[in-house]
Amino acid sequence: MSHSSIIWRRMSSLADEIDEYPSLLGIILCERVLQDVLRRDAISCINIYSGLSAAAFPAVIPLVYAFAQLSGCSHQFTYQFRIEKDDGEFVAGSSQVSVEPLPNKQTPHKIVTAFSGLTFEAPGLYHVILEVEGEQAGSLPFHVNQSA
């Protein structure tokens, strides 16, 4: 076997390892998520937040959604969303969800979690964190402010 064949096989093997789990394309925080009944991949995110406001603290947000889009992959994987304060203190987390591979690996995965009764003890910087297979895939920072 030639040296170039060995290099090609190693590169192919590395590409397979990279494809093992999806990579994060983006995260948003929003008020509502609508999914089309006929086209399950058609999702609308309503009132996308860059931050949240509350009149007083502790503040309870009745319902907020974390939505993420991940690259397609040919393997089953699990994910979980967490919300943390900027110092890493845990605020809330979703259960771990298993996702089956899509028939076309070029199609991105769309994942969503609802947080109901989300409580913020104080204003400040927070993060929505997405974990894939127990590893942090990415995060979205957002501010919680006290409204006037």
N, C-alpha and C. Protein backbone atom coordinates (compact mmCIF):
# COMPACT_ATOMS: atom_id res chain seq x y z
N MET A 1 0.86 -1.17 0.00
CA MET A 1 0.00 0.00 0.00
C MET A 1 0.91 1.24 0.00
N SER A 2 0.58 2.21 -0.84
CA SER A 2 1.40 3.41 -0.96
C SER A 2 1.17 4.35 0.22
N HIS A 3 2.12 5.24 0.41
CA HIS A 3 2.03 6.23 1.50
C HIS A 3 0.80 7.13 1.32
N SER A 4 0.49 7.52 0.09
CA SER A 4 -0.67 8.39 -0.15
C SER A 4 -1.98 7.65 0.15
N SER A 5 -2.04 6.34 -0.09
CA SER A 5 -3.23 5.56 0.25
C SER A 5 -3.45 5.53 1.75
N ILE A 6 -2.38 5.39 2.51
CA ILE A 6 -2.48 5.37 3.97
C ILE A 6 -2.97 6.73 4.47
N ILE A 7 -2.43 7.80 3.91
CA ILE A 7 -2.85 9.15 4.31
C ILE A 7 -4.33 9.35 3.97
N TRP A 8 -4.76 8.91 2.78
CA TRP A 8 -6.16 9.06 2.38
C TRP A 8 -7.10 8.30 3.32
N ARG A 9 -6.71 7.08 3.68
CA ARG A 9 -7.54 6.29 4.60
C ARG A 9 -7.62 6.97 5.97
N ARG A 10 -6.51 7.51 6.45
CA ARG A 10 -6.52 8.19 7.76
C ARG A 10 -7.40 9.44 7.70
N MET A 11 -7.35 10.20 6.60
CA MET A 11 -8.18 11.38 6.45
C MET A 11 -9.65 10.99 6.41
N SER A 12 -9.99 9.90 5.73
CA SER A 12 -11.37 9.42 5.67
C SER A 12 -11.84 9.01 7.06
N SER A 13 -10.96 8.35 7.81
CA SER A 13 -11.31 7.94 9.17
C SER A 13 -11.54 9.16 10.05
N LEU A 14 -10.72 10.19 9.93
CA LEU A 14 -10.91 11.43 10.70
C LEU A 14 -12.22 12.10 10.33
N ALA A 15 -12.57 12.11 9.05
CA ALA A 15 -13.84 12.70 8.61
C ALA A 15 -15.01 11.96 9.24
N ASP A 16 -14.92 10.63 9.33
CA ASP A 16 -15.99 9.85 9.98
C ASP A 16 -16.10 10.20 11.45
N GLU A 17 -14.96 10.39 12.13
CA GLU A 17 -14.99 10.75 13.54
C GLU A 17 -15.61 12.13 13.73
N ILE A 18 -15.28 13.07 12.87
CA ILE A 18 -15.83 14.42 12.96
C ILE A 18 -17.33 14.39 12.78
N ASP A 19 -17.83 13.52 11.88
CA ASP A 19 -19.26 13.41 11.60
C ASP A 19 -20.01 12.69 12.72
N GLU A 20 -19.28 12.11 13.67
CA GLU A 20 -19.93 11.28 14.68
C GLU A 20 -21.07 12.02 15.39
N TYR A 21 -20.87 13.28 15.76
CA TYR A 21 -21.90 14.06 16.42
C TYR A 21 -22.07 15.39 15.72
N PRO A 22 -23.28 15.95 15.78
CA PRO A 22 -23.51 17.21 15.06
C PRO A 22 -22.83 18.39 15.74
N SER A 23 -22.57 19.43 14.95
CA SER A 23 -22.02 20.66 15.51
C SER A 23 -23.12 21.72 15.56
N LEU A 24 -22.96 22.64 16.47
CA LEU A 24 -23.96 23.69 16.68
C LEU A 24 -23.90 24.71 15.56
N LEU A 25 -25.08 25.04 15.01
CA LEU A 25 -25.20 26.09 14.00
C LEU A 25 -25.73 27.38 14.63
N GLY A 26 -26.56 27.27 15.68
CA GLY A 26 -27.08 28.45 16.34
C GLY A 26 -28.07 28.12 17.44
N ILE A 27 -28.18 29.04 18.43
CA ILE A 27 -29.13 28.91 19.54
C ILE A 27 -29.91 30.22 19.61
N ILE A 28 -31.21 30.12 19.89
CA ILE A 28 -32.00 31.31 20.19
C ILE A 28 -32.89 31.02 21.39
N LEU A 29 -33.32 32.10 22.02
CA LEU A 29 -34.26 32.06 23.14
C LEU A 29 -35.48 32.82 22.66
N CYS A 30 -36.68 32.24 22.81
CA CYS A 30 -37.87 32.89 22.27
C CYS A 30 -39.10 32.61 23.13
N GLU A 31 -40.15 33.34 22.82
CA GLU A 31 -41.41 33.23 23.57
C GLU A 31 -42.24 32.03 23.15
N ARG A 32 -42.18 31.68 21.88
CA ARG A 32 -43.04 30.61 21.37
C ARG A 32 -42.39 29.95 20.17
N VAL A 33 -42.65 28.65 20.01
CA VAL A 33 -42.17 27.89 18.86
C VAL A 33 -43.37 27.21 18.23
N LEU A 34 -43.54 27.42 16.93
CA LEU A 34 -44.63 26.79 16.18
C LEU A 34 -44.04 25.81 15.18
N GLN A 35 -44.64 24.62 15.10
CA GLN A 35 -44.18 23.61 14.16
C GLN A 35 -45.32 23.26 13.23
N ASP A 36 -45.06 23.29 11.93
CA ASP A 36 -46.06 22.98 10.92
C ASP A 36 -46.49 21.53 11.04
N VAL A 37 -47.77 21.28 10.98
CA VAL A 37 -48.31 19.93 11.13
C VAL A 37 -47.94 19.05 9.93
N LEU A 38 -47.96 19.60 8.73
CA LEU A 38 -47.68 18.83 7.52
C LEU A 38 -46.19 18.73 7.21
N ARG A 39 -45.46 19.79 7.48
CA ARG A 39 -44.01 19.80 7.21
C ARG A 39 -43.31 19.95 8.56
N ARG A 40 -42.96 18.83 9.18
CA ARG A 40 -42.40 18.81 10.54
C ARG A 40 -41.09 19.59 10.65
N ASP A 41 -40.38 19.78 9.54
CA ASP A 41 -39.12 20.53 9.60
C ASP A 41 -39.33 22.04 9.48
N ALA A 42 -40.58 22.49 9.28
CA ALA A 42 -40.90 23.92 9.20
C ALA A 42 -41.23 24.43 10.60
N ILE A 43 -40.32 25.20 11.17
CA ILE A 43 -40.48 25.70 12.53
C ILE A 43 -40.37 27.22 12.52
N SER A 44 -41.26 27.87 13.27
CA SER A 44 -41.23 29.33 13.43
C SER A 44 -40.96 29.66 14.89
N CYS A 45 -40.02 30.55 15.12
CA CYS A 45 -39.71 31.03 16.47
C CYS A 45 -40.28 32.44 16.59
N ILE A 46 -41.14 32.65 17.57
CA ILE A 46 -41.85 33.92 17.75
C ILE A 46 -41.23 34.69 18.91
N ASN A 47 -41.05 36.01 18.70
CA ASN A 47 -40.48 36.91 19.71
C ASN A 47 -39.14 36.41 20.23
N ILE A 48 -38.14 36.48 19.39
CA ILE A 48 -36.78 36.06 19.76
C ILE A 48 -36.20 37.08 20.73
N TYR A 49 -35.68 36.57 21.85
CA TYR A 49 -35.16 37.43 22.91
C TYR A 49 -33.65 37.62 22.78
N SER A 50 -33.22 38.85 23.08
CA SER A 50 -31.79 39.09 23.29
C SER A 50 -31.56 39.29 24.79
N GLY A 51 -32.63 39.38 25.54
CA GLY A 51 -32.60 39.51 26.98
C GLY A 51 -34.02 39.47 27.52
N LEU A 52 -34.14 39.43 28.84
CA LEU A 52 -35.45 39.40 29.49
C LEU A 52 -35.51 40.52 30.52
N SER A 53 -36.71 41.04 30.75
CA SER A 53 -36.91 42.09 31.75
C SER A 53 -37.94 41.64 32.78
N ALA A 54 -37.74 42.09 34.00
CA ALA A 54 -38.68 41.78 35.09
C ALA A 54 -38.85 43.02 35.95
N ALA A 55 -40.05 43.18 36.51
CA ALA A 55 -40.35 44.33 37.37
C ALA A 55 -39.67 44.21 38.72
N ALA A 56 -39.56 42.99 39.24
CA ALA A 56 -38.96 42.76 40.55
C ALA A 56 -38.29 41.39 40.58
N PHE A 57 -37.43 41.19 41.57
CA PHE A 57 -36.73 39.92 41.72
C PHE A 57 -36.98 39.36 43.10
N PRO A 58 -37.05 38.03 43.24
CA PRO A 58 -36.89 37.05 42.18
C PRO A 58 -38.01 37.16 41.15
N ALA A 59 -37.67 36.88 39.90
CA ALA A 59 -38.62 36.98 38.79
C ALA A 59 -38.92 35.60 38.24
N VAL A 60 -40.18 35.34 37.97
CA VAL A 60 -40.58 34.06 37.37
C VAL A 60 -41.07 34.36 35.96
N ILE A 61 -40.43 33.72 34.99
CA ILE A 61 -40.83 33.83 33.58
C ILE A 61 -41.71 32.61 33.31
N PRO A 62 -42.99 32.83 32.97
CA PRO A 62 -43.92 31.69 32.83
C PRO A 62 -43.47 30.63 31.82
N LEU A 63 -42.99 31.06 30.66
CA LEU A 63 -42.62 30.09 29.62
C LEU A 63 -41.63 30.73 28.66
N VAL A 64 -40.53 30.05 28.41
CA VAL A 64 -39.54 30.49 27.43
C VAL A 64 -38.98 29.24 26.75
N TYR A 65 -38.65 29.37 25.47
CA TYR A 65 -38.14 28.23 24.69
C TYR A 65 -36.69 28.45 24.31
N ALA A 66 -35.91 27.39 24.37
CA ALA A 66 -34.56 27.36 23.81
C ALA A 66 -34.64 26.53 22.53
N PHE A 67 -34.16 27.11 21.43
CA PHE A 67 -34.19 26.43 20.14
C PHE A 67 -32.77 26.42 19.59
N ALA A 68 -32.38 25.31 19.00
CA ALA A 68 -31.06 25.23 18.38
C ALA A 68 -31.15 24.46 17.07
N GLN A 69 -30.22 24.79 16.21
CA GLN A 69 -30.08 24.06 14.95
C GLN A 69 -28.69 23.46 14.94
N LEU A 70 -28.63 22.16 14.63
CA LEU A 70 -27.38 21.41 14.61
C LEU A 70 -27.15 20.84 13.22
N SER A 71 -25.89 20.68 12.86
CA SER A 71 -25.58 20.06 11.57
C SER A 71 -26.11 18.63 11.56
N GLY A 72 -26.40 18.14 10.37
CA GLY A 72 -26.85 16.77 10.23
C GLY A 72 -25.72 15.80 10.54
N CYS A 73 -26.07 14.61 10.98
CA CYS A 73 -25.06 13.58 11.20
C CYS A 73 -25.73 12.22 11.00
N SER A 74 -24.93 11.20 10.86
CA SER A 74 -25.47 9.87 10.57
C SER A 74 -25.56 8.98 11.81
N HIS A 75 -25.48 9.59 13.00
CA HIS A 75 -25.53 8.82 14.24
C HIS A 75 -26.61 9.36 15.18
N GLN A 76 -27.16 8.50 15.99
CA GLN A 76 -28.06 8.92 17.06
C GLN A 76 -27.23 9.70 18.08
N PHE A 77 -27.84 10.70 18.74
CA PHE A 77 -27.14 11.46 19.76
C PHE A 77 -28.14 11.95 20.81
N THR A 78 -27.62 12.43 21.94
CA THR A 78 -28.46 13.00 22.98
C THR A 78 -28.07 14.46 23.18
N TYR A 79 -29.06 15.24 23.63
CA TYR A 79 -28.78 16.64 23.95
C TYR A 79 -29.53 17.05 25.21
N GLN A 80 -29.07 18.16 25.77
CA GLN A 80 -29.69 18.74 26.95
C GLN A 80 -29.37 20.23 26.97
N PHE A 81 -30.38 21.05 27.31
CA PHE A 81 -30.17 22.49 27.51
C PHE A 81 -30.03 22.76 29.00
N ARG A 82 -29.19 23.74 29.34
CA ARG A 82 -29.06 24.24 30.70
C ARG A 82 -29.08 25.76 30.66
N ILE A 83 -29.53 26.37 31.74
CA ILE A 83 -29.41 27.81 31.92
C ILE A 83 -28.59 28.03 33.17
N GLU A 84 -27.55 28.87 33.03
CA GLU A 84 -26.65 29.14 34.14
C GLU A 84 -26.43 30.64 34.28
N LYS A 85 -26.11 31.06 35.50
CA LYS A 85 -25.65 32.42 35.72
C LYS A 85 -24.25 32.54 35.12
N ASP A 86 -23.77 33.77 34.96
CA ASP A 86 -22.46 33.99 34.36
C ASP A 86 -21.34 33.33 35.17
N ASP A 87 -21.54 33.17 36.48
CA ASP A 87 -20.51 32.55 37.32
C ASP A 87 -20.58 31.02 37.29
N GLY A 88 -21.50 30.46 36.47
CA GLY A 88 -21.61 29.01 36.34
C GLY A 88 -22.65 28.37 37.25
N GLU A 89 -23.32 29.16 38.09
CA GLU A 89 -24.34 28.61 38.97
C GLU A 89 -25.54 28.13 38.16
N PHE A 90 -25.98 26.91 38.43
CA PHE A 90 -27.09 26.28 37.73
C PHE A 90 -28.40 26.99 38.05
N VAL A 91 -29.19 27.30 37.01
CA VAL A 91 -30.52 27.91 37.19
C VAL A 91 -31.61 26.91 36.82
N ALA A 92 -31.47 26.26 35.66
CA ALA A 92 -32.48 25.29 35.20
C ALA A 92 -31.85 24.38 34.15
N GLY A 93 -32.49 23.23 33.95
CA GLY A 93 -32.01 22.31 32.94
C GLY A 93 -33.14 21.46 32.39
N SER A 94 -32.97 21.02 31.18
CA SER A 94 -33.96 20.14 30.57
C SER A 94 -33.54 18.69 30.82
N SER A 95 -34.44 17.80 30.54
CA SER A 95 -34.07 16.38 30.59
C SER A 95 -33.23 16.08 29.35
N GLN A 96 -32.53 14.96 29.40
CA GLN A 96 -31.72 14.56 28.25
C GLN A 96 -32.65 13.94 27.20
N VAL A 97 -32.48 14.35 25.95
CA VAL A 97 -33.34 13.90 24.86
C VAL A 97 -32.50 13.16 23.83
N SER A 98 -33.00 12.04 23.35
CA SER A 98 -32.32 11.26 22.31
C SER A 98 -32.87 11.64 20.94
N VAL A 99 -31.98 11.80 19.98
CA VAL A 99 -32.35 12.20 18.62
C VAL A 99 -31.85 11.15 17.63
N GLU A 100 -32.75 10.71 16.77
CA GLU A 100 -32.40 9.74 15.73
C GLU A 100 -31.75 10.47 14.54
N PRO A 101 -30.89 9.80 13.79
CA PRO A 101 -30.32 10.45 12.60
C PRO A 101 -31.40 10.70 11.56
N LEU A 102 -31.20 11.74 10.78
CA LEU A 102 -32.14 12.06 9.70
C LEU A 102 -31.76 11.27 8.45
N PRO A 103 -32.72 11.00 7.55
CA PRO A 103 -32.41 10.23 6.35
C PRO A 103 -31.35 10.90 5.47
N ASN A 104 -31.37 12.22 5.42
CA ASN A 104 -30.39 12.97 4.63
C ASN A 104 -29.47 13.69 5.59
N LYS A 105 -28.19 13.30 5.65
CA LYS A 105 -27.30 13.90 6.64
C LYS A 105 -26.97 15.36 6.33
N GLN A 106 -27.39 15.87 5.19
CA GLN A 106 -27.21 17.29 4.87
C GLN A 106 -28.31 18.16 5.50
N THR A 107 -29.36 17.52 6.01
CA THR A 107 -30.47 18.24 6.64
C THR A 107 -30.12 18.53 8.09
N PRO A 108 -30.20 19.79 8.52
CA PRO A 108 -29.87 20.10 9.92
C PRO A 108 -30.96 19.63 10.90
N HIS A 109 -30.51 19.29 12.09
CA HIS A 109 -31.43 18.93 13.18
C HIS A 109 -31.94 20.22 13.82
N LYS A 110 -33.23 20.25 14.13
CA LYS A 110 -33.84 21.37 14.84
C LYS A 110 -34.34 20.83 16.16
N ILE A 111 -33.82 21.37 17.26
CA ILE A 111 -34.18 20.87 18.58
C ILE A 111 -34.73 22.02 19.43
N VAL A 112 -35.66 21.68 20.31
CA VAL A 112 -36.32 22.71 21.11
C VAL A 112 -36.63 22.16 22.50
N THR A 113 -36.54 23.05 23.49
CA THR A 113 -36.90 22.71 24.86
C THR A 113 -37.69 23.87 25.45
N ALA A 114 -38.75 23.56 26.18
CA ALA A 114 -39.54 24.58 26.87
C ALA A 114 -39.11 24.62 28.33
N PHE A 115 -38.90 25.84 28.83
CA PHE A 115 -38.64 26.06 30.25
C PHE A 115 -39.86 26.76 30.82
N SER A 116 -40.59 26.11 31.72
CA SER A 116 -41.75 26.76 32.33
C SER A 116 -41.44 27.09 33.78
N GLY A 117 -41.93 28.25 34.21
CA GLY A 117 -41.70 28.69 35.57
C GLY A 117 -40.24 28.96 35.87
N LEU A 118 -39.53 29.51 34.89
CA LEU A 118 -38.10 29.80 35.03
C LEU A 118 -37.90 30.95 36.01
N THR A 119 -37.14 30.72 37.08
CA THR A 119 -36.94 31.72 38.13
C THR A 119 -35.54 32.30 38.08
N PHE A 120 -35.48 33.64 38.04
CA PHE A 120 -34.21 34.36 38.11
C PHE A 120 -34.19 35.11 39.44
N GLU A 121 -33.20 34.83 40.26
CA GLU A 121 -33.11 35.43 41.60
C GLU A 121 -32.66 36.89 41.55
N ALA A 122 -31.90 37.26 40.52
CA ALA A 122 -31.35 38.61 40.44
C ALA A 122 -31.07 38.97 38.99
N PRO A 123 -31.01 40.28 38.69
CA PRO A 123 -30.62 40.67 37.34
C PRO A 123 -29.16 40.28 37.08
N GLY A 124 -28.79 40.16 35.82
CA GLY A 124 -27.41 39.84 35.49
C GLY A 124 -27.28 39.13 34.16
N LEU A 125 -26.08 38.64 33.90
CA LEU A 125 -25.77 37.91 32.67
C LEU A 125 -25.98 36.42 32.92
N TYR A 126 -26.70 35.78 32.01
CA TYR A 126 -26.98 34.35 32.06
C TYR A 126 -26.59 33.72 30.73
N HIS A 127 -26.58 32.39 30.68
CA HIS A 127 -26.22 31.66 29.46
C HIS A 127 -27.16 30.48 29.25
N VAL A 128 -27.62 30.32 28.02
CA VAL A 128 -28.30 29.09 27.60
C VAL A 128 -27.19 28.21 27.04
N ILE A 129 -27.02 27.04 27.60
CA ILE A 129 -25.94 26.14 27.20
C ILE A 129 -26.55 24.89 26.59
N LEU A 130 -26.01 24.48 25.45
CA LEU A 130 -26.44 23.24 24.81
C LEU A 130 -25.32 22.22 24.96
N GLU A 131 -25.68 21.06 25.50
CA GLU A 131 -24.74 19.94 25.58
C GLU A 131 -25.19 18.86 24.60
N VAL A 132 -24.25 18.31 23.85
CA VAL A 132 -24.49 17.18 22.96
C VAL A 132 -23.59 16.05 23.45
N GLU A 133 -24.20 14.93 23.76
CA GLU A 133 -23.48 13.77 24.30
C GLU A 133 -22.67 14.15 25.54
N GLY A 134 -23.25 15.02 26.38
CA GLY A 134 -22.61 15.39 27.63
C GLY A 134 -21.50 16.42 27.51
N GLU A 135 -21.21 16.89 26.30
CA GLU A 135 -20.17 17.90 26.08
C GLU A 135 -20.81 19.20 25.63
N GLN A 136 -20.30 20.32 26.11
CA GLN A 136 -20.86 21.61 25.71
C GLN A 136 -20.60 21.86 24.24
N ALA A 137 -21.70 22.06 23.49
CA ALA A 137 -21.61 22.34 22.06
C ALA A 137 -21.55 23.83 21.79
N GLY A 138 -22.10 24.62 22.70
CA GLY A 138 -22.11 26.08 22.54
C GLY A 138 -23.04 26.71 23.54
N SER A 139 -23.08 28.05 23.53
CA SER A 139 -23.94 28.76 24.46
C SER A 139 -24.39 30.09 23.87
N LEU A 140 -25.45 30.63 24.46
CA LEU A 140 -25.99 31.93 24.08
C LEU A 140 -26.06 32.78 25.34
N PRO A 141 -25.30 33.88 25.39
CA PRO A 141 -25.42 34.77 26.55
C PRO A 141 -26.65 35.66 26.41
N PHE A 142 -27.29 35.98 27.56
CA PHE A 142 -28.41 36.91 27.56
C PHE A 142 -28.49 37.60 28.91
N HIS A 143 -29.02 38.83 28.90
CA HIS A 143 -29.14 39.61 30.14
C HIS A 143 -30.57 39.53 30.67
N VAL A 144 -30.68 39.50 31.98
CA VAL A 144 -31.96 39.65 32.66
C VAL A 144 -31.86 40.99 33.39
N ASN A 145 -32.73 41.92 33.02
CA ASN A 145 -32.70 43.28 33.55
C ASN A 145 -33.93 43.58 34.38
N GLN A 146 -33.79 44.55 35.27
CA GLN A 146 -34.94 45.04 36.01
C GLN A 146 -35.55 46.19 35.21
N SER A 147 -36.85 46.07 34.90
CA SER A 147 -37.53 47.10 34.12
C SER A 147 -37.88 48.26 35.03
N ALA A 148 -38.01 49.45 34.40
CA ALA A 148 -38.29 50.66 35.18
C ALA A 148 -39.72 50.72 35.65
